[in-house]
């Protein structure tokens, strides 16, 4: 394997890793948005904030800011 192939392989691996990181970040953002939607619905139904915190794993400050 020559230098060119090594560099191409390294660039490919770095690109794949970057893509995986971006996908993980996207999934985390989607999870957080889902938790916010659930929290809004729970609050609208009159669920106590302590239960909203328990089931959404959001902080009290995050919930109060909704």
Foldseek 3Di string as FASTA:
>chain_A
DDPVVVVVVVVVVVVVVVVVVVVVVVVVVVLLVVLLVVLVVCVVVVNDPVVSCVPSVDDSVVSVVD
